[in-house]
C-alpha atoms as a PDB file:
ATOM      1  CA  MET A   1     108.900 135.496 112.448  1.00  0.00           C
ATOM      2  CA  THR A   2     106.544 132.760 110.893  1.00  0.00           C
ATOM      3  CA  ALA A   3     107.057 129.777 109.548  1.00  0.00           C
ATOM      4  CA  GLN A   4     106.482 130.995 106.098  1.00  0.00           C
ATOM      5  CA  THR A   5     109.288 133.340 106.013  1.00  0.00           C
ATOM      6  CA  LYS A   6     111.580 130.629 107.343  1.00  0.00           C
ATOM      7  CA  ARG A   7     110.717 128.392 104.244  1.00  0.00           C
ATOM      8  CA  ALA A   8     113.957 127.817 102.132  1.00  0.00           C
ATOM      9  CA  PHE A   9     111.767 126.955  99.374  1.00  0.00           C
ATOM     10  CA  THR A  10     108.331 127.979  98.096  1.00  0.00           C
ATOM     11  CA  ARG A  11     105.832 125.520  99.017  1.00  0.00           C
ATOM     12  CA  THR A  12     103.346 123.658  96.422  1.00  0.00           C
ATOM     13  CA  ARG A  13      99.766 123.415  97.386  1.00  0.00           C
ATOM     14  CA  HIS A  14      97.612 120.163  96.369  1.00  0.00           C
ATOM     15  CA  GLU A  15      95.530 117.994  98.613  1.00  0.00           C
ATOM     16  CA  VAL A  16      96.703 114.450  97.616  1.00  0.00           C
ATOM     17  CA  PRO A  17      96.268 110.823  98.939  1.00  0.00           C
ATOM     18  CA  ILE A  18      99.039 109.308 100.434  1.00  0.00           C
ATOM     19  CA  ARG A  19     100.355 106.216 102.420  1.00  0.00           C
ATOM     20  CA  TYR A  20     102.723 106.479 104.938  1.00  0.00           C
ATOM     21  CA  GLY A  21     104.673 104.022 106.985  1.00  0.00           C
ATOM     22  CA  TYR A  22     107.713 103.209 108.844  1.00  0.00           C
ATOM     23  CA  GLU A  23     110.901 102.155 107.537  1.00  0.00           C
ATOM     24  CA  ASN A  24     111.091  98.170 106.904  1.00  0.00           C
ATOM     25  CA  THR A  25     107.620  97.760 108.322  1.00  0.00           C
ATOM     26  CA  PRO A  26     104.901  96.493 105.858  1.00  0.00           C
ATOM     27  CA  ARG A  27     101.567  98.202 107.822  1.00  0.00           C
ATOM     28  CA  TYR A  28     100.651 101.561 105.601  1.00  0.00           C
ATOM     29  CA  PHE A  29      98.742 103.987 107.073  1.00  0.00           C
ATOM     30  CA  ASP A  30      95.965 106.226 105.185  1.00  0.00           C
ATOM     31  CA  SER A  31      96.772 109.767 105.157  1.00  0.00           C
ATOM     32  CA  LYS A  32      96.496 113.391 102.820  1.00  0.00           C
ATOM     33  CA  MET A  33      99.555 115.848 101.663  1.00  0.00           C
ATOM     34  CA  TYR A  34      98.857 119.514 101.953  1.00  0.00           C
ATOM     35  CA  ASN A  35     101.500 120.887 100.357  1.00  0.00           C
ATOM     36  CA  SER A  36     105.268 120.335  99.415  1.00  0.00           C
ATOM     37  CA  SER A  37     108.730 121.647  98.218  1.00  0.00           C
ATOM     38  CA  GLN A  38     112.520 120.597  97.097  1.00  0.00           C
ATOM     39  CA  GLY A  39     113.206 120.807 101.055  1.00  0.00           C
ATOM     40  CA  GLY A  40     109.736 118.608 102.991  1.00  0.00           C
ATOM     41  CA  MET A  41     106.135 118.093 102.855  1.00  0.00           C
ATOM     42  CA  TYR A  42     103.330 118.239 104.779  1.00  0.00           C
ATOM     43  CA  PHE A  43     100.725 115.925 105.557  1.00  0.00           C
ATOM     44  CA  GLU A  44      98.685 114.685 108.528  1.00  0.00           C
ATOM     45  CA  THR A  45      98.287 111.997 110.160  1.00  0.00           C
ATOM     46  CA  ASP A  46      95.844 110.118 112.687  1.00  0.00           C
ATOM     47  CA  HIS A  47      99.145 108.405 114.644  1.00  0.00           C
ATOM     48  CA  ALA A  48     101.768 110.191 116.490  1.00  0.00           C
ATOM     49  CA  LEU A  49     105.134 110.301 114.250  1.00  0.00           C
ATOM     50  CA  LYS A  50     108.480 110.449 116.031  1.00  0.00           C
ATOM     51  CA  LEU A  51     111.004 112.811 115.802  1.00  0.00           C
ATOM     52  CA  ASP A  52     113.598 112.074 113.659  1.00  0.00           C
ATOM     53  CA  SER A  53     112.426 107.898 112.365  1.00  0.00           C
ATOM     54  CA  ASN A  54     112.658 107.433 108.706  1.00  0.00           C
ATOM     55  CA  ILE A  55     109.300 107.045 106.922  1.00  0.00           C
ATOM     56  CA  ASN A  56     108.043 105.762 103.959  1.00  0.00           C
ATOM     57  CA  ILE A  57     105.879 107.897 101.701  1.00  0.00           C
ATOM     58  CA  ALA A  58     103.297 106.663  98.907  1.00  0.00           C
ATOM     59  CA  ILE A  59     101.559 109.262  96.726  1.00  0.00           C
ATOM     60  CA  GLU A  60      98.117 107.508  95.345  1.00  0.00           C
ATOM     61  CA  ASN A  61      97.456 108.003  91.979  1.00  0.00           C
ATOM     62  CA  PHE A  62     100.441 109.819  91.205  1.00  0.00           C
ATOM     63  CA  SER A  63     100.050 112.602  88.633  1.00  0.00           C
ATOM     64  CA  PRO A  64     102.983 114.648  87.676  1.00  0.00           C
ATOM     65  CA  VAL A  65     100.374 117.451  86.338  1.00  0.00           C
ATOM     66  CA  LEU A  66     100.009 118.139  90.416  1.00  0.00           C
ATOM     67  CA  SER A  67     103.177 119.069  91.571  1.00  0.00           C
ATOM     68  CA  ASP A  68     106.507 119.789  90.286  1.00  0.00           C
ATOM     69  CA  ARG A  69     109.715 117.582  89.954  1.00  0.00           C
ATOM     70  CA  GLN A  70     110.186 117.133  94.028  1.00  0.00           C
ATOM     71  CA  VAL A  71     107.133 115.469  94.662  1.00  0.00           C
ATOM     72  CA  LEU A  72     107.761 111.687  94.390  1.00  0.00           C
ATOM     73  CA  LYS A  73     106.110 108.604  93.722  1.00  0.00           C
ATOM     74  CA  HIS A  74     107.147 106.836  96.440  1.00  0.00           C
ATOM     75  CA  CYS A  75     110.246 107.876  98.815  1.00  0.00           C
ATOM     76  CA  THR A  76     111.722 107.489 101.874  1.00  0.00           C
ATOM     77  CA  VAL A  77     112.165 111.022 104.216  1.00  0.00           C
ATOM     78  CA  GLU A  78     113.027 111.775 107.986  1.00  0.00           C
ATOM     79  CA  VAL A  79     110.855 113.169 110.208  1.00  0.00           C
ATOM     80  CA  ARG A  80     111.972 116.496 110.947  1.00  0.00           C
ATOM     81  CA  TRP A  81     108.821 118.339 112.795  1.00  0.00           C
ATOM     82  CA  CYS A  82     105.747 116.803 114.672  1.00  0.00           C
END
C-alpha cells in the first residue's frame, strides 16, 4: 500500500518557503514546504529532525490563495515522520 492510499486527507501541492525551529528556541532554519493537508504537511530540511519533537513553522510570504484554510501563517507541530 502506498503512502497516498493511507492518507486520510487530500494533499494540496505547492512550493512555499518556510522557516522552522524547535519549540522554545530562538533559532530558525530556512526550508521549503511541498504539500499540506488538514492532517499534516511535507517539507524538506538540511538538518535531521527529532521524531516526536515539537517544532514551530512560519510560512514566509504567506498568501491564502496558495492553499486552503489548513495552512497557517505560524503554527507549532509535532514531528511524526522523518
